[in-house]
C-alpha atoms as a PDB file:
ATOM      1  CA  MET A   1       0.006  -0.005  -0.013  1.00  0.00           C
ATOM      2  CA  ALA A   2       2.682   2.450   0.964  1.00  0.00           C
ATOM      3  CA  ASP A   3       4.191   2.482  -2.475  1.00  0.00           C
ATOM      4  CA  GLN A   4       0.923   4.158  -3.784  1.00  0.00           C
ATOM      5  CA  LEU A   5       1.238   6.840  -1.152  1.00  0.00           C
ATOM      6  CA  GLN A   6       2.932  10.099  -1.963  1.00  0.00           C
ATOM      7  CA  ILE A   7       3.193  13.661  -0.778  1.00  0.00           C
ATOM      8  CA  TYR A   8       2.558  16.206  -3.464  1.00  0.00           C
ATOM      9  CA  GLU A   9       3.496  19.917  -3.383  1.00  0.00           C
ATOM     10  CA  LEU A  10       1.692  23.018  -4.477  1.00  0.00           C
ATOM     11  CA  ASN A  11       4.050  25.998  -4.707  1.00  0.00           C
ATOM     12  CA  ASN A  12       3.334  29.430  -6.141  1.00  0.00           C
ATOM     13  CA  GLY A  13       6.452  31.091  -4.852  1.00  0.00           C
ATOM     14  CA  THR A  14       4.729  32.524  -1.760  1.00  0.00           C
ATOM     15  CA  VAL A  15       2.787  29.674  -0.213  1.00  0.00           C
ATOM     16  CA  VAL A  16       3.947  26.091  -0.142  1.00  0.00           C
ATOM     17  CA  VAL A  17       1.371  23.261   0.594  1.00  0.00           C
ATOM     18  CA  LYS A  18       2.082  19.590   0.900  1.00  0.00           C
ATOM     19  CA  ILE A  19      -0.799  17.151   0.510  1.00  0.00           C
ATOM     20  CA  THR A  20      -0.850  13.312   0.488  1.00  0.00           C
ATOM     21  CA  ASN A  21      -3.264  11.102  -1.390  1.00  0.00           C
ATOM     22  CA  TYR A  22      -3.840   9.315   1.901  1.00  0.00           C
ATOM     23  CA  GLY A  23      -7.066  10.952   3.047  1.00  0.00           C
ATOM     24  CA  CYS A  24      -6.424  14.037   0.899  1.00  0.00           C
ATOM     25  CA  THR A  25      -4.384  15.240   3.888  1.00  0.00           C
ATOM     26  CA  ILE A  26      -2.627  18.547   4.089  1.00  0.00           C
ATOM     27  CA  THR A  27       0.618  17.598   5.882  1.00  0.00           C
ATOM     28  CA  SER A  28       2.236  21.074   5.701  1.00  0.00           C
ATOM     29  CA  LEU A  29       1.302  24.593   4.755  1.00  0.00           C
ATOM     30  CA  SER A  30       3.904  27.395   4.849  1.00  0.00           C
ATOM     31  CA  VAL A  31       3.006  31.090   4.691  1.00  0.00           C
ATOM     32  CA  PRO A  32       5.064  34.134   5.377  1.00  0.00           C
ATOM     33  CA  ASP A  33       4.720  36.330   8.452  1.00  0.00           C
ATOM     34  CA  LYS A  34       4.977  40.160   8.633  1.00  0.00           C
ATOM     35  CA  ASN A  35       8.707  39.975   7.896  1.00  0.00           C
ATOM     36  CA  GLY A  36       8.355  37.528   5.056  1.00  0.00           C
ATOM     37  CA  LYS A  37       9.561  34.648   7.241  1.00  0.00           C
ATOM     38  CA  LEU A  38       7.958  31.289   6.247  1.00  0.00           C
ATOM     39  CA  ALA A  39       6.479  28.963   8.869  1.00  0.00           C
ATOM     40  CA  ASP A  40       4.533  25.819   8.585  1.00  0.00           C
ATOM     41  CA  VAL A  41       1.154  26.631  10.244  1.00  0.00           C
ATOM     42  CA  VAL A  42      -0.538  23.161  10.371  1.00  0.00           C
ATOM     43  CA  LEU A  43      -0.094  20.228  12.665  1.00  0.00           C
ATOM     44  CA  GLY A  44       1.011  17.027  11.147  1.00  0.00           C
ATOM     45  CA  PHE A  45       3.793  14.483  10.420  1.00  0.00           C
ATOM     46  CA  ASP A  46       6.880  14.595   8.191  1.00  0.00           C
ATOM     47  CA  THR A  47       5.996  11.308   6.415  1.00  0.00           C
ATOM     48  CA  VAL A  48       2.901   9.396   5.452  1.00  0.00           C
ATOM     49  CA  GLU A  49       3.650   6.488   7.853  1.00  0.00           C
ATOM     50  CA  PRO A  50       2.241   7.948  11.108  1.00  0.00           C
ATOM     51  CA  TYR A  51      -1.041   8.727   9.350  1.00  0.00           C
ATOM     52  CA  VAL A  52      -1.306   5.209   8.003  1.00  0.00           C
ATOM     53  CA  LYS A  53      -0.450   3.775  11.424  1.00  0.00           C
ATOM     54  CA  GLY A  54      -3.302   5.749  13.045  1.00  0.00           C
ATOM     55  CA  ALA A  55      -1.183   8.235  15.087  1.00  0.00           C
ATOM     56  CA  SER A  56      -3.185  11.273  13.712  1.00  0.00           C
ATOM     57  CA  PRO A  57      -6.240  12.683  15.453  1.00  0.00           C
ATOM     58  CA  TYR A  58      -7.555  13.659  12.002  1.00  0.00           C
ATOM     59  CA  PHE A  59      -4.683  16.080  11.254  1.00  0.00           C
ATOM     60  CA  GLY A  60      -5.298  17.871   7.932  1.00  0.00           C
ATOM     61  CA  CYS A  61      -7.511  15.225   6.293  1.00  0.00           C
ATOM     62  CA  ILE A  62     -10.897  15.324   4.520  1.00  0.00           C
ATOM     63  CA  VAL A  63     -13.409  13.406   6.640  1.00  0.00           C
ATOM     64  CA  GLY A  64     -16.518  11.656   5.280  1.00  0.00           C
ATOM     65  CA  ARG A  65     -18.865  10.118   4.069  1.00  0.00           C
ATOM     66  CA  VAL A  66     -20.339  12.141   6.957  1.00  0.00           C
ATOM     67  CA  ALA A  67     -18.237  14.356   9.113  1.00  0.00           C
ATOM     68  CA  ASN A  68     -18.779  14.807  12.839  1.00  0.00           C
ATOM     69  CA  ARG A  69     -21.032  12.747  15.031  1.00  0.00           C
ATOM     70  CA  ILE A  70     -24.080  10.648  14.196  1.00  0.00           C
ATOM     71  CA  LYS A  71     -25.957   9.846  17.373  1.00  0.00           C
ATOM     72  CA  ASN A  72     -25.633   6.174  18.400  1.00  0.00           C
ATOM     73  CA  GLY A  73     -24.457   5.419  14.890  1.00  0.00           C
ATOM     74  CA  LYS A  74     -28.050   5.084  13.634  1.00  0.00           C
ATOM     75  CA  PHE A  75     -30.302   6.746  11.172  1.00  0.00           C
ATOM     76  CA  THR A  76     -33.329   5.930   8.995  1.00  0.00           C
ATOM     77  CA  LEU A  77     -33.607   6.969   5.318  1.00  0.00           C
ATOM     78  CA  ASN A  78     -36.480   6.125   2.964  1.00  0.00           C
ATOM     79  CA  GLY A  79     -37.849   3.641   5.489  1.00  0.00           C
ATOM     80  CA  THR A  80     -34.601   1.725   5.862  1.00  0.00           C
ATOM     81  CA  GLY A  81     -32.586   1.740   9.097  1.00  0.00           C
ATOM     82  CA  TYR A  82     -28.768   1.988   8.895  1.00  0.00           C
ATOM     83  CA  SER A  83     -26.300   1.105  11.628  1.00  0.00           C
ATOM     84  CA  LEU A  84     -22.864   2.606  11.506  1.00  0.00           C
ATOM     85  CA  PRO A  85     -19.586   1.632  13.311  1.00  0.00           C
ATOM     86  CA  ILE A  86     -19.434   3.103  16.830  1.00  0.00           C
ATOM     87  CA  ASN A  87     -15.885   4.379  16.579  1.00  0.00           C
ATOM     88  CA  LYS A  88     -16.311   7.183  19.211  1.00  0.00           C
ATOM     89  CA  PRO A  89     -18.716   5.561  21.711  1.00  0.00           C
ATOM     90  CA  PRO A  90     -21.584   5.939  21.840  1.00  0.00           C
ATOM     91  CA  ASN A  91     -21.519   7.651  18.442  1.00  0.00           C
ATOM     92  CA  SER A  92     -20.192   7.204  14.925  1.00  0.00           C
ATOM     93  CA  LEU A  93     -17.603   9.888  14.187  1.00  0.00           C
ATOM     94  CA  HIS A  94     -16.191  11.300  10.852  1.00  0.00           C
ATOM     95  CA  GLY A  95     -17.403   8.324   8.703  1.00  0.00           C
ATOM     96  CA  GLY A  96     -16.515   5.408  10.940  1.00  0.00           C
ATOM     97  CA  PHE A  97     -13.421   3.251  11.538  1.00  0.00           C
ATOM     98  CA  LYS A  98     -12.125   3.666   7.980  1.00  0.00           C
ATOM     99  CA  GLY A  99     -13.632   6.967   6.706  1.00  0.00           C
ATOM    100  CA  PHE A 100     -12.454   8.977   3.731  1.00  0.00           C
ATOM    101  CA  ASP A 101      -9.488  10.138   5.796  1.00  0.00           C
ATOM    102  CA  LYS A 102      -8.085   6.604   5.843  1.00  0.00           C
ATOM    103  CA  ARG A 103      -8.499   5.815   2.191  1.00  0.00           C
ATOM    104  CA  ILE A 104      -6.066   6.126  -0.647  1.00  0.00           C
ATOM    105  CA  TRP A 105      -7.387   8.611  -3.193  1.00  0.00           C
ATOM    106  CA  GLU A 106      -6.511   8.581  -6.882  1.00  0.00           C
ATOM    107  CA  VAL A 107      -4.650  11.593  -8.294  1.00  0.00           C
ATOM    108  CA  ALA A 108      -6.794  12.644 -11.209  1.00  0.00           C
ATOM    109  CA  GLU A 109      -4.987  15.805 -12.097  1.00  0.00           C
ATOM    110  CA  TYR A 110      -1.859  17.624 -10.935  1.00  0.00           C
ATOM    111  CA  LYS A 111      -0.974  21.026 -12.397  1.00  0.00           C
ATOM    112  CA  LYS A 112       2.141  23.114 -11.721  1.00  0.00           C
ATOM    113  CA  GLY A 113       2.456  26.800 -12.684  1.00  0.00           C
ATOM    114  CA  ASP A 114       1.325  30.145 -11.122  1.00  0.00           C
ATOM    115  CA  LYS A 115      -2.096  28.598 -10.072  1.00  0.00           C
ATOM    116  CA  PRO A 116      -0.975  25.125  -9.113  1.00  0.00           C
ATOM    117  CA  SER A 117      -3.710  22.525  -8.205  1.00  0.00           C
ATOM    118  CA  ILE A 118      -4.268  18.854  -7.468  1.00  0.00           C
ATOM    119  CA  THR A 119      -7.475  16.874  -7.849  1.00  0.00           C
ATOM    120  CA  PHE A 120      -8.093  13.679  -5.903  1.00  0.00           C
ATOM    121  CA  LYS A 121     -10.791  11.125  -6.635  1.00  0.00           C
ATOM    122  CA  TYR A 122     -12.363   8.473  -4.544  1.00  0.00           C
ATOM    123  CA  ARG A 123     -15.217   6.046  -5.048  1.00  0.00           C
ATOM    124  CA  SER A 124     -17.069   5.021  -1.917  1.00  0.00           C
ATOM    125  CA  SER A 125     -18.946   1.789  -2.387  1.00  0.00           C
ATOM    126  CA  ASP A 126     -22.413   0.754  -1.221  1.00  0.00           C
ATOM    127  CA  GLY A 127     -22.362  -0.424   2.311  1.00  0.00           C
ATOM    128  CA  GLU A 128     -18.935   1.020   3.091  1.00  0.00           C
ATOM    129  CA  GLU A 129     -18.835   1.811   6.830  1.00  0.00           C
ATOM    130  CA  GLY A 130     -22.592   1.224   6.843  1.00  0.00           C
ATOM    131  CA  TYR A 131     -23.673   3.886   4.437  1.00  0.00           C
ATOM    132  CA  PRO A 132     -26.057   3.339   1.532  1.00  0.00           C
ATOM    133  CA  GLY A 133     -25.136   3.593  -2.168  1.00  0.00           C
ATOM    134  CA  ASP A 134     -22.029   4.173  -4.267  1.00  0.00           C
ATOM    135  CA  VAL A 135     -20.720   7.734  -4.269  1.00  0.00           C
ATOM    136  CA  SER A 136     -18.080   9.336  -6.479  1.00  0.00           C
ATOM    137  CA  VAL A 137     -16.063  12.007  -4.660  1.00  0.00           C
ATOM    138  CA  THR A 138     -13.488  14.649  -5.883  1.00  0.00           C
ATOM    139  CA  ALA A 139     -11.512  17.102  -4.016  1.00  0.00           C
ATOM    140  CA  THR A 140      -9.439  19.866  -5.644  1.00  0.00           C
ATOM    141  CA  TYR A 141      -6.917  22.037  -3.824  1.00  0.00           C
ATOM    142  CA  THR A 142      -5.768  25.162  -5.777  1.00  0.00           C
ATOM    143  CA  LEU A 143      -3.509  28.076  -4.978  1.00  0.00           C
ATOM    144  CA  THR A 144      -5.776  30.635  -6.660  1.00  0.00           C
ATOM    145  CA  SER A 145      -3.599  33.679  -5.913  1.00  0.00           C
ATOM    146  CA  SER A 146      -0.282  34.319  -3.996  1.00  0.00           C
ATOM    147  CA  MET A 147      -1.802  33.973  -0.538  1.00  0.00           C
ATOM    148  CA  THR A 148      -5.086  32.142  -1.190  1.00  0.00           C
ATOM    149  CA  MET A 149      -5.895  28.380  -1.278  1.00  0.00           C
ATOM    150  CA  LYS A 150      -9.214  27.040  -2.449  1.00  0.00           C
ATOM    151  CA  LEU A 151     -10.693  23.614  -1.734  1.00  0.00           C
ATOM    152  CA  ASP A 152     -13.588  22.291  -3.869  1.00  0.00           C
ATOM    153  CA  MET A 153     -15.256  19.096  -2.728  1.00  0.00           C
ATOM    154  CA  GLU A 154     -17.874  17.386  -4.818  1.00  0.00           C
ATOM    155  CA  ALA A 155     -19.750  14.121  -4.374  1.00  0.00           C
ATOM    156  CA  VAL A 156     -22.378  12.381  -6.516  1.00  0.00           C
ATOM    157  CA  PRO A 157     -24.480   9.489  -5.316  1.00  0.00           C
ATOM    158  CA  GLU A 158     -24.873   6.986  -8.104  1.00  0.00           C
ATOM    159  CA  ASN A 159     -27.765   4.798  -7.141  1.00  0.00           C
ATOM    160  CA  LYS A 160     -29.180   5.560  -3.643  1.00  0.00           C
ATOM    161  CA  ALA A 161     -29.973   8.597  -1.575  1.00  0.00           C
ATOM    162  CA  THR A 162     -27.355   8.976   1.119  1.00  0.00           C
ATOM    163  CA  PRO A 163     -26.127  11.502   3.668  1.00  0.00           C
ATOM    164  CA  ILE A 164     -23.016  13.271   2.523  1.00  0.00           C
ATOM    165  CA  ASN A 165     -21.181  15.900   4.697  1.00  0.00           C
ATOM    166  CA  LEU A 166     -17.503  16.345   4.006  1.00  0.00           C
ATOM    167  CA  ALA A 167     -15.211  18.506   6.141  1.00  0.00           C
ATOM    168  CA  GLN A 168     -11.539  19.527   5.991  1.00  0.00           C
ATOM    169  CA  HIS A 169      -9.937  18.866   9.359  1.00  0.00           C
ATOM    170  CA  THR A 170      -6.725  20.828   9.452  1.00  0.00           C
ATOM    171  CA  TYR A 171      -5.432  21.940  12.796  1.00  0.00           C
ATOM    172  CA  TRP A 172      -4.172  25.613  12.403  1.00  0.00           C
ATOM    173  CA  ASN A 173      -1.487  27.289  14.550  1.00  0.00           C
ATOM    174  CA  LEU A 174      -0.646  30.578  12.762  1.00  0.00           C
ATOM    175  CA  ALA A 175       2.463  31.062  14.903  1.00  0.00           C
ATOM    176  CA  GLY A 176       3.883  27.888  13.526  1.00  0.00           C
ATOM    177  CA  HIS A 177       2.912  24.230  14.188  1.00  0.00           C
ATOM    178  CA  ASN A 178       5.660  23.885  16.864  1.00  0.00           C
ATOM    179  CA  SER A 179       4.948  27.139  18.716  1.00  0.00           C
ATOM    180  CA  GLY A 180       2.866  25.910  21.640  1.00  0.00           C
ATOM    181  CA  ASN A 181      -0.836  26.436  22.071  1.00  0.00           C
ATOM    182  CA  ILE A 182      -3.328  28.669  20.165  1.00  0.00           C
ATOM    183  CA  LEU A 183      -4.985  30.310  23.240  1.00  0.00           C
ATOM    184  CA  ASP A 184      -3.476  33.757  22.362  1.00  0.00           C
ATOM    185  CA  HIS A 185      -4.781  33.609  18.849  1.00  0.00           C
ATOM    186  CA  THR A 186      -7.884  35.864  18.356  1.00  0.00           C
ATOM    187  CA  ILE A 187     -10.884  34.667  16.343  1.00  0.00           C
ATOM    188  CA  GLN A 188     -14.034  36.237  14.971  1.00  0.00           C
ATOM    189  CA  ILE A 189     -16.824  33.824  13.724  1.00  0.00           C
ATOM    190  CA  TRP A 190     -19.706  35.092  11.581  1.00  0.00           C
ATOM    191  CA  ALA A 191     -22.371  33.276  13.479  1.00  0.00           C
ATOM    192  CA  SER A 192     -24.906  34.672  15.937  1.00  0.00           C
ATOM    193  CA  GLU A 193     -26.150  31.125  16.872  1.00  0.00           C
ATOM    194  CA  MET A 194     -24.736  27.702  17.647  1.00  0.00           C
ATOM    195  CA  THR A 195     -26.059  24.267  18.326  1.00  0.00           C
ATOM    196  CA  PRO A 196     -25.696  23.203  22.008  1.00  0.00           C
ATOM    197  CA  VAL A 197     -24.584  19.610  22.670  1.00  0.00           C
ATOM    198  CA  ASP A 198     -25.459  16.810  25.072  1.00  0.00           C
ATOM    199  CA  GLU A 199     -22.976  15.011  27.324  1.00  0.00           C
ATOM    200  CA  ASN A 200     -21.704  12.970  24.299  1.00  0.00           C
ATOM    201  CA  THR A 201     -21.034  16.082  22.206  1.00  0.00           C
ATOM    202  CA  VAL A 202     -24.088  15.573  19.949  1.00  0.00           C
ATOM    203  CA  PRO A 203     -26.269  18.549  19.190  1.00  0.00           C
ATOM    204  CA  THR A 204     -29.500  18.478  21.203  1.00  0.00           C
ATOM    205  CA  GLY A 205     -31.441  19.859  18.212  1.00  0.00           C
ATOM    206  CA  GLU A 206     -31.677  23.393  19.726  1.00  0.00           C
ATOM    207  CA  ILE A 207     -30.360  26.413  17.956  1.00  0.00           C
ATOM    208  CA  LYS A 208     -29.204  29.011  20.480  1.00  0.00           C
ATOM    209  CA  PRO A 209     -28.050  32.580  20.394  1.00  0.00           C
ATOM    210  CA  VAL A 210     -24.383  32.995  21.367  1.00  0.00           C
ATOM    211  CA  LYS A 211     -24.961  36.480  22.836  1.00  0.00           C
ATOM    212  CA  GLY A 212     -23.936  36.693  26.468  1.00  0.00           C
ATOM    213  CA  THR A 213     -22.296  33.221  26.439  1.00  0.00           C
ATOM    214  CA  PRO A 214     -18.508  32.045  26.202  1.00  0.00           C
ATOM    215  CA  PHE A 215     -19.458  30.943  22.609  1.00  0.00           C
ATOM    216  CA  ASP A 216     -19.863  34.540  21.458  1.00  0.00           C
ATOM    217  CA  PHE A 217     -17.150  35.344  18.836  1.00  0.00           C
ATOM    218  CA  THR A 218     -19.251  37.830  16.869  1.00  0.00           C
ATOM    219  CA  ALA A 219     -16.577  40.352  17.741  1.00  0.00           C
ATOM    220  CA  GLU A 220     -12.837  39.431  17.626  1.00  0.00           C
ATOM    221  CA  LYS A 221     -11.880  37.737  20.936  1.00  0.00           C
ATOM    222  CA  LYS A 222      -8.978  35.693  22.360  1.00  0.00           C
ATOM    223  CA  VAL A 223      -9.537  32.020  21.934  1.00  0.00           C
ATOM    224  CA  GLY A 224      -8.357  31.391  25.483  1.00  0.00           C
ATOM    225  CA  LEU A 225     -10.379  34.097  27.142  1.00  0.00           C
ATOM    226  CA  GLN A 226     -13.346  31.829  28.100  1.00  0.00           C
ATOM    227  CA  VAL A 227     -12.151  28.426  26.915  1.00  0.00           C
ATOM    228  CA  HIS A 228     -12.129  27.115  30.492  1.00  0.00           C
ATOM    229  CA  GLU A 229     -15.881  27.776  30.827  1.00  0.00           C
ATOM    230  CA  VAL A 230     -16.876  25.344  28.188  1.00  0.00           C
ATOM    231  CA  GLY A 231     -15.704  21.969  29.512  1.00  0.00           C
ATOM    232  CA  LEU A 232     -12.659  20.533  27.749  1.00  0.00           C
ATOM    233  CA  GLY A 233     -12.720  23.496  25.313  1.00  0.00           C
ATOM    234  CA  TYR A 234     -14.590  24.461  22.192  1.00  0.00           C
ATOM    235  CA  ASP A 235     -15.929  21.602  20.074  1.00  0.00           C
ATOM    236  CA  HIS A 236     -19.188  23.115  18.805  1.00  0.00           C
ATOM    237  CA  ASN A 237     -21.009  23.769  15.550  1.00  0.00           C
ATOM    238  CA  TYR A 238     -21.779  27.419  14.625  1.00  0.00           C
ATOM    239  CA  VAL A 239     -24.603  28.445  12.450  1.00  0.00           C
ATOM    240  CA  LEU A 240     -22.950  30.587   9.822  1.00  0.00           C
ATOM    241  CA  GLY A 241     -24.431  33.773   8.483  1.00  0.00           C
ATOM    242  CA  GLY A 242     -24.495  37.525   8.719  1.00  0.00           C
ATOM    243  CA  GLY A 243     -21.195  38.323   7.024  1.00  0.00           C
ATOM    244  CA  GLU A 244     -20.382  39.596   3.619  1.00  0.00           C
ATOM    245  CA  GLU A 245     -20.208  37.262   0.592  1.00  0.00           C
ATOM    246  CA  LYS A 246     -17.605  36.687  -2.010  1.00  0.00           C
ATOM    247  CA  LEU A 247     -17.660  34.494  -5.075  1.00  0.00           C
ATOM    248  CA  GLY A 248     -20.869  32.914  -3.770  1.00  0.00           C
ATOM    249  CA  LEU A 249     -19.219  32.105  -0.437  1.00  0.00           C
ATOM    250  CA  LYS A 250     -20.000  33.526   2.972  1.00  0.00           C
ATOM    251  CA  ARG A 251     -17.530  34.706   5.466  1.00  0.00           C
ATOM    252  CA  ALA A 252     -17.066  32.113   8.199  1.00  0.00           C
ATOM    253  CA  ALA A 253     -14.043  33.103  10.373  1.00  0.00           C
ATOM    254  CA  LYS A 254     -11.091  35.293  10.830  1.00  0.00           C
ATOM    255  CA  LEU A 255      -8.177  33.843  12.802  1.00  0.00           C
ATOM    256  CA  LYS A 256      -5.167  35.944  13.864  1.00  0.00           C
ATOM    257  CA  ASP A 257      -1.879  35.277  15.608  1.00  0.00           C
ATOM    258  CA  PRO A 258      -0.572  38.320  17.404  1.00  0.00           C
ATOM    259  CA  SER A 259       3.143  37.117  17.459  1.00  0.00           C
ATOM    260  CA  SER A 260       3.569  36.703  13.723  1.00  0.00           C
ATOM    261  CA  SER A 261       0.676  38.942  12.556  1.00  0.00           C
ATOM    262  CA  ARG A 262      -0.531  36.123  10.325  1.00  0.00           C
ATOM    263  CA  VAL A 263      -4.214  36.222   9.490  1.00  0.00           C
ATOM    264  CA  LEU A 264      -6.405  33.531   7.974  1.00  0.00           C
ATOM    265  CA  ASN A 265      -9.803  34.514   6.555  1.00  0.00           C
ATOM    266  CA  LEU A 266     -12.090  31.618   5.834  1.00  0.00           C
ATOM    267  CA  TRP A 267     -14.987  31.660   3.442  1.00  0.00           C
ATOM    268  CA  THR A 268     -17.424  28.788   2.648  1.00  0.00           C
ATOM    269  CA  ASN A 269     -20.787  27.783   1.234  1.00  0.00           C
ATOM    270  CA  ALA A 270     -21.505  25.335   4.019  1.00  0.00           C
ATOM    271  CA  PRO A 271     -24.240  26.103   6.567  1.00  0.00           C
ATOM    272  CA  GLY A 272     -22.114  25.326   9.693  1.00  0.00           C
ATOM    273  CA  MET A 273     -18.651  25.334  11.132  1.00  0.00           C
ATOM    274  CA  GLN A 274     -17.209  23.147  13.812  1.00  0.00           C
ATOM    275  CA  PHE A 275     -14.908  25.242  16.020  1.00  0.00           C
ATOM    276  CA  TYR A 276     -12.580  22.808  17.754  1.00  0.00           C
ATOM    277  CA  THR A 277      -9.664  23.796  19.998  1.00  0.00           C
ATOM    278  CA  GLY A 278      -7.690  20.505  19.833  1.00  0.00           C
ATOM    279  CA  ASN A 279      -9.004  19.351  23.259  1.00  0.00           C
ATOM    280  CA  TYR A 280      -8.095  15.713  22.805  1.00  0.00           C
ATOM    281  CA  VAL A 281      -4.579  16.233  21.449  1.00  0.00           C
ATOM    282  CA  ASN A 282      -2.173  14.772  23.936  1.00  0.00           C
ATOM    283  CA  GLY A 283       1.594  14.191  23.486  1.00  0.00           C
ATOM    284  CA  VAL A 284       1.473  13.552  19.716  1.00  0.00           C
ATOM    285  CA  VAL A 285       5.020  13.649  18.287  1.00  0.00           C
ATOM    286  CA  GLY A 286       4.754  15.555  14.998  1.00  0.00           C
ATOM    287  CA  LYS A 287       6.985  17.176  12.418  1.00  0.00           C
ATOM    288  CA  GLY A 288      10.622  17.726  13.407  1.00  0.00           C
ATOM    289  CA  GLY A 289       9.916  15.968  16.750  1.00  0.00           C
ATOM    290  CA  ALA A 290       7.541  18.755  17.831  1.00  0.00           C
ATOM    291  CA  VAL A 291       5.226  17.527  20.641  1.00  0.00           C
ATOM    292  CA  TYR A 292       1.643  18.570  20.224  1.00  0.00           C
ATOM    293  CA  ASN A 293      -0.504  18.851  23.337  1.00  0.00           C
ATOM    294  CA  LYS A 294      -3.982  20.083  24.191  1.00  0.00           C
ATOM    295  CA  HIS A 295      -4.876  23.292  22.277  1.00  0.00           C
ATOM    296  CA  ALA A 296      -1.736  22.952  20.027  1.00  0.00           C
ATOM    297  CA  GLY A 297      -3.939  23.830  17.079  1.00  0.00           C
ATOM    298  CA  LEU A 298      -7.512  24.651  16.298  1.00  0.00           C
ATOM    299  CA  CYS A 299      -9.865  23.416  13.554  1.00  0.00           C
ATOM    300  CA  LEU A 300     -12.343  25.405  11.493  1.00  0.00           C
ATOM    301  CA  GLU A 301     -14.407  22.607   9.920  1.00  0.00           C
ATOM    302  CA  THR A 302     -17.067  24.077   7.683  1.00  0.00           C
ATOM    303  CA  GLN A 303     -19.788  21.460   7.359  1.00  0.00           C
ATOM    304  CA  GLY A 304     -23.453  20.432   7.450  1.00  0.00           C
ATOM    305  CA  PHE A 305     -24.701  20.432  11.052  1.00  0.00           C
ATOM    306  CA  PRO A 306     -23.647  17.368  13.155  1.00  0.00           C
ATOM    307  CA  ASN A 307     -26.178  14.597  13.418  1.00  0.00           C
ATOM    308  CA  ALA A 308     -28.357  16.474  10.801  1.00  0.00           C
ATOM    309  CA  ILE A 309     -29.555  13.116   9.500  1.00  0.00           C
ATOM    310  CA  ASN A 310     -31.449  12.626  12.799  1.00  0.00           C
ATOM    311  CA  GLN A 311     -32.570  16.226  13.291  1.00  0.00           C
ATOM    312  CA  SER A 312     -35.294  17.322  10.896  1.00  0.00           C
ATOM    313  CA  ASN A 313     -34.967  21.004  11.929  1.00  0.00           C
ATOM    314  CA  PHE A 314     -31.370  21.089  10.750  1.00  0.00           C
ATOM    315  CA  PRO A 315     -30.451  21.627   7.052  1.00  0.00           C
ATOM    316  CA  SER A 316     -30.677  18.302   5.288  1.00  0.00           C
ATOM    317  CA  VAL A 317     -27.443  16.429   4.438  1.00  0.00           C
ATOM    318  CA  VAL A 318     -29.209  13.880   2.221  1.00  0.00           C
ATOM    319  CA  VAL A 319     -28.130  13.972  -1.421  1.00  0.00           C
ATOM    320  CA  GLN A 320     -30.285  12.236  -4.084  1.00  0.00           C
ATOM    321  CA  PRO A 321     -28.781  10.095  -6.891  1.00  0.00           C
ATOM    322  CA  GLY A 322     -27.811  12.317  -9.858  1.00  0.00           C
ATOM    323  CA  SER A 323     -27.711  15.411  -7.646  1.00  0.00           C
ATOM    324  CA  LYS A 324     -24.330  16.862  -6.669  1.00  0.00           C
ATOM    325  CA  TYR A 325     -22.988  17.753  -3.211  1.00  0.00           C
ATOM    326  CA  GLN A 326     -20.771  20.788  -3.535  1.00  0.00           C
ATOM    327  CA  HIS A 327     -18.707  22.304  -0.743  1.00  0.00           C
ATOM    328  CA  THR A 328     -16.153  25.027  -1.291  1.00  0.00           C
ATOM    329  CA  MET A 329     -13.653  26.562   1.190  1.00  0.00           C
ATOM    330  CA  LEU A 330     -11.428  29.586   0.561  1.00  0.00           C
ATOM    331  CA  PHE A 331      -8.488  30.032   2.781  1.00  0.00           C
ATOM    332  CA  GLU A 332      -7.209  33.641   2.509  1.00  0.00           C
ATOM    333  CA  PHE A 333      -3.881  34.425   4.241  1.00  0.00           C
ATOM    334  CA  SER A 334      -2.529  37.862   4.962  1.00  0.00           C
ATOM    335  CA  VAL A 335      -0.375  39.770   7.491  1.00  0.00           C
END
């Protein structure tokens, strides 16, 4: 298997991204700071081996067929009940034991030049990890301008209706992957509501205003300011909206590191975003021997709402055969 695995590079002279066909995983992403000094701002490993061996808590990968949690690993669709692997008891998480993040994707296209891009393809078969129907998936990473990366994810069910909810699970640390925790970063999230969770981190079905709570990031705020008031840390879905739009995408979040002045603006067409502060990361030995601990990075996973398949009041994640699931993310870096 390992001989089919490779790490590919996208390089436009300013930003350098490394991505492997194992799980469509971003292993490295280097961007300049205010002095033009490059640093790798994503958590990960130097080689493909640790990912394959299961050492990664979803660093940098695309998760699916359904991202996030499905309550008790069960759902009913068109009168048929489905049971999924319970890989994060009592729930099914990120597609099961062998989700899209642990599959080898085919490289369909790889372009160099001033707008370098790479397209990965995967075909998920009927019954894989308990999900119905065959689904063809593509993911394209493109450096669209000197400081911008775009990700286009598409999926087409071939023969059965099925839930589809893909998410990109990069852990960001804009000071550099080996620089400690992200509690001094500031973040603004364009969401006035979030979906509260039960004791197993599954949304209760409510949609609650963030105003007056530790979940309020409608104005720029330090990540660490109230992190200790929300259990282990943030691991919650935000209902996106209320920001400006660009290229049909809405503004989701703005992340800033004070030490390097690096900024990441994220745009998406997804209805929600999981804001996760790396609460379960514990002593993972990553690139160059760096040790990643709790809050070493944070994730901004734009997505359909968690457990939407079991919550009729959430936007539907069911895609019909012949219809196309389309999810775009735009990562805009600046200083």
